[in-house]
Amino acid sequence: MELKVTKIGNSLGVVLPKELIASLKLEKGDIIWATEARSGYRITPYDPVFGEQMTAARKLMKKRRNALRELAK
């Protein structure tokens, strides 16, 4: 999908087509992240740092399942 860089005030911006907005399920005020990938950049509505933190949390929860079960009582 081709995106055109335009001047917005004193900055540059990109207008996202409605098909891309619908595909990413974006709404006004949402934040998107651009992360570097092997072939360029990837645009995603998901925070990659939060994803890494959740992976670490899942590993900890699996390892300490019994302790967490007792704390939940």
N, C-alpha and C. Protein backbone atom coordinates (compact mmCIF):
# COMPACT_ATOMS: atom_id res chain seq x y z
N MET A 1 0.85 -1.17 0.00
CA MET A 1 0.00 0.00 0.00
C MET A 1 0.90 1.23 0.00
N GLU A 2 0.65 2.10 -0.90
CA GLU A 2 1.47 3.31 -1.03
C GLU A 2 0.93 4.41 -0.15
N LEU A 3 1.82 5.03 0.61
CA LEU A 3 1.46 6.15 1.49
C LEU A 3 2.27 7.36 1.07
N LYS A 4 1.63 8.51 1.03
CA LYS A 4 2.29 9.74 0.62
C LYS A 4 2.59 10.61 1.83
N VAL A 5 3.82 11.09 1.93
CA VAL A 5 4.22 12.00 3.01
C VAL A 5 3.80 13.41 2.61
N THR A 6 3.09 14.08 3.51
CA THR A 6 2.61 15.44 3.24
C THR A 6 3.03 16.37 4.37
N LYS A 7 2.99 17.65 4.10
CA LYS A 7 3.33 18.65 5.11
C LYS A 7 2.06 18.97 5.91
N ILE A 8 2.18 18.86 7.23
CA ILE A 8 1.08 19.18 8.12
C ILE A 8 1.62 20.20 9.12
N GLY A 9 1.27 21.46 8.93
CA GLY A 9 1.82 22.53 9.77
C GLY A 9 3.32 22.63 9.53
N ASN A 10 4.11 22.56 10.62
CA ASN A 10 5.57 22.59 10.49
C ASN A 10 6.18 21.19 10.48
N SER A 11 5.34 20.17 10.40
CA SER A 11 5.81 18.78 10.45
C SER A 11 5.46 18.05 9.17
N LEU A 12 5.90 16.80 9.09
CA LEU A 12 5.52 15.93 8.00
C LEU A 12 4.63 14.84 8.55
N GLY A 13 3.70 14.38 7.76
CA GLY A 13 2.79 13.34 8.21
C GLY A 13 2.38 12.43 7.07
N VAL A 14 1.73 11.35 7.44
CA VAL A 14 1.24 10.38 6.47
C VAL A 14 -0.26 10.21 6.73
N VAL A 15 -1.04 10.27 5.69
CA VAL A 15 -2.48 10.03 5.80
C VAL A 15 -2.72 8.56 5.52
N LEU A 16 -3.35 7.86 6.47
CA LEU A 16 -3.62 6.44 6.31
C LEU A 16 -4.95 6.24 5.59
N PRO A 17 -4.97 5.40 4.56
CA PRO A 17 -6.23 5.12 3.87
C PRO A 17 -7.22 4.41 4.78
N LYS A 18 -8.51 4.58 4.52
CA LYS A 18 -9.53 4.00 5.40
C LYS A 18 -9.45 2.48 5.43
N GLU A 19 -8.98 1.84 4.37
CA GLU A 19 -8.82 0.38 4.37
C GLU A 19 -7.78 -0.06 5.39
N LEU A 20 -6.68 0.68 5.49
CA LEU A 20 -5.63 0.37 6.45
C LEU A 20 -6.11 0.64 7.87
N ILE A 21 -6.84 1.72 8.06
CA ILE A 21 -7.38 2.05 9.38
C ILE A 21 -8.35 0.96 9.84
N ALA A 22 -9.18 0.49 8.93
CA ALA A 22 -10.12 -0.58 9.27
C ALA A 22 -9.39 -1.88 9.58
N SER A 23 -8.36 -2.18 8.80
CA SER A 23 -7.59 -3.41 9.00
C SER A 23 -6.88 -3.42 10.36
N LEU A 24 -6.35 -2.27 10.77
CA LEU A 24 -5.66 -2.16 12.06
C LEU A 24 -6.63 -1.89 13.21
N LYS A 25 -7.90 -1.69 12.89
CA LYS A 25 -8.95 -1.38 13.89
C LYS A 25 -8.58 -0.14 14.71
N LEU A 26 -8.18 0.91 14.01
CA LEU A 26 -7.76 2.15 14.66
C LEU A 26 -8.93 3.10 14.81
N GLU A 27 -8.86 3.90 15.86
CA GLU A 27 -9.83 4.97 16.08
C GLU A 27 -9.06 6.24 16.42
N LYS A 28 -9.74 7.36 16.38
CA LYS A 28 -9.11 8.63 16.69
C LYS A 28 -8.50 8.59 18.09
N GLY A 29 -7.24 9.02 18.19
CA GLY A 29 -6.55 9.04 19.48
C GLY A 29 -5.72 7.80 19.75
N ASP A 30 -5.88 6.74 18.94
CA ASP A 30 -5.07 5.53 19.14
C ASP A 30 -3.60 5.81 18.84
N ILE A 31 -2.74 5.00 19.42
CA ILE A 31 -1.30 5.11 19.18
C ILE A 31 -0.87 3.91 18.36
N ILE A 32 -0.02 4.14 17.36
CA ILE A 32 0.55 3.04 16.59
C ILE A 32 2.07 3.08 16.71
N TRP A 33 2.70 1.94 16.55
CA TRP A 33 4.15 1.84 16.66
C TRP A 33 4.73 1.39 15.34
N ALA A 34 5.88 1.95 15.01
CA ALA A 34 6.65 1.52 13.85
C ALA A 34 7.91 0.85 14.39
N THR A 35 8.07 -0.42 14.09
CA THR A 35 9.24 -1.16 14.55
C THR A 35 10.05 -1.60 13.34
N GLU A 36 11.36 -1.60 13.52
CA GLU A 36 12.24 -1.98 12.43
C GLU A 36 12.20 -3.49 12.24
N ALA A 37 12.07 -3.91 11.00
CA ALA A 37 12.05 -5.33 10.65
C ALA A 37 13.16 -5.58 9.62
N ARG A 38 13.36 -6.84 9.27
CA ARG A 38 14.43 -7.17 8.31
C ARG A 38 14.26 -6.46 6.97
N SER A 39 13.02 -6.40 6.50
CA SER A 39 12.77 -5.84 5.17
C SER A 39 12.31 -4.39 5.18
N GLY A 40 12.34 -3.74 6.33
CA GLY A 40 11.91 -2.34 6.41
C GLY A 40 11.33 -2.04 7.77
N TYR A 41 10.14 -1.47 7.78
CA TYR A 41 9.46 -1.14 9.04
C TYR A 41 8.09 -1.81 9.07
N ARG A 42 7.63 -2.08 10.28
CA ARG A 42 6.32 -2.69 10.48
C ARG A 42 5.49 -1.73 11.33
N ILE A 43 4.27 -1.46 10.89
CA ILE A 43 3.36 -0.59 11.63
C ILE A 43 2.33 -1.47 12.33
N THR A 44 2.19 -1.27 13.63
CA THR A 44 1.28 -2.10 14.41
C THR A 44 0.61 -1.28 15.50
N PRO A 45 -0.63 -1.63 15.86
CA PRO A 45 -1.27 -0.93 16.97
C PRO A 45 -0.88 -1.50 18.33
N TYR A 46 -0.03 -2.51 18.34
CA TYR A 46 0.36 -3.17 19.58
C TYR A 46 1.76 -2.75 20.00
N ASP A 47 1.92 -2.44 21.28
CA ASP A 47 3.20 -2.02 21.83
C ASP A 47 4.12 -3.23 21.94
N PRO A 48 5.24 -3.26 21.20
CA PRO A 48 6.13 -4.42 21.25
C PRO A 48 6.77 -4.63 22.62
N VAL A 49 7.03 -3.58 23.37
CA VAL A 49 7.62 -3.71 24.70
C VAL A 49 6.63 -4.41 25.64
N PHE A 50 5.36 -4.03 25.54
CA PHE A 50 4.33 -4.67 26.36
C PHE A 50 4.23 -6.15 26.02
N GLY A 51 4.36 -6.49 24.76
CA GLY A 51 4.34 -7.90 24.35
C GLY A 51 5.46 -8.70 24.98
N GLU A 52 6.65 -8.12 25.03
CA GLU A 52 7.79 -8.79 25.68
C GLU A 52 7.54 -8.96 27.17
N GLN A 53 6.96 -7.94 27.80
CA GLN A 53 6.67 -8.01 29.23
C GLN A 53 5.63 -9.10 29.51
N MET A 54 4.62 -9.23 28.66
CA MET A 54 3.60 -10.25 28.85
C MET A 54 4.18 -11.65 28.66
N THR A 55 5.11 -11.82 27.75
CA THR A 55 5.76 -13.11 27.56
C THR A 55 6.52 -13.50 28.82
N ALA A 56 7.25 -12.55 29.40
CA ALA A 56 7.98 -12.81 30.64
C ALA A 56 7.01 -13.11 31.78
N ALA A 57 5.90 -12.40 31.85
CA ALA A 57 4.91 -12.63 32.91
C ALA A 57 4.28 -14.01 32.78
N ARG A 58 3.99 -14.43 31.56
CA ARG A 58 3.41 -15.77 31.36
C ARG A 58 4.37 -16.86 31.80
N LYS A 59 5.66 -16.69 31.51
CA LYS A 59 6.66 -17.68 31.95
C LYS A 59 6.70 -17.75 33.47
N LEU A 60 6.67 -16.59 34.12
CA LEU A 60 6.70 -16.54 35.59
C LEU A 60 5.44 -17.18 36.17
N MET A 61 4.29 -16.88 35.59
CA MET A 61 3.02 -17.43 36.09
C MET A 61 3.00 -18.95 35.94
N LYS A 62 3.58 -19.45 34.87
CA LYS A 62 3.63 -20.90 34.67
C LYS A 62 4.56 -21.55 35.70
N LYS A 63 5.69 -20.90 35.95
CA LYS A 63 6.69 -21.43 36.87
C LYS A 63 6.19 -21.39 38.32
N ARG A 64 5.48 -20.33 38.69
CA ARG A 64 5.02 -20.11 40.08
C ARG A 64 3.51 -20.30 40.21
N ARG A 65 2.95 -21.23 39.46
CA ARG A 65 1.50 -21.44 39.44
C ARG A 65 0.92 -21.70 40.82
N ASN A 66 1.56 -22.57 41.58
CA ASN A 66 1.03 -22.93 42.92
C ASN A 66 1.04 -21.72 43.87
N ALA A 67 2.11 -20.94 43.84
CA ALA A 67 2.18 -19.75 44.70
C ALA A 67 1.10 -18.75 44.33
N LEU A 68 0.87 -18.56 43.05
CA LEU A 68 -0.16 -17.62 42.60
C LEU A 68 -1.55 -18.13 42.96
N ARG A 69 -1.76 -19.42 42.90
CA ARG A 69 -3.04 -19.99 43.29
C ARG A 69 -3.33 -19.74 44.76
N GLU A 70 -2.30 -19.89 45.60
CA GLU A 70 -2.46 -19.64 47.05
C GLU A 70 -2.72 -18.16 47.32
N LEU A 71 -2.05 -17.28 46.60
CA LEU A 71 -2.26 -15.85 46.80
C LEU A 71 -3.66 -15.41 46.35
N ALA A 72 -4.23 -16.13 45.41
CA ALA A 72 -5.56 -15.77 44.89
C ALA A 72 -6.68 -16.13 45.86
N LYS A 73 -6.40 -16.95 46.87
CA LYS A 73 -7.44 -17.36 47.83
C LYS A 73 -7.84 -16.25 48.74
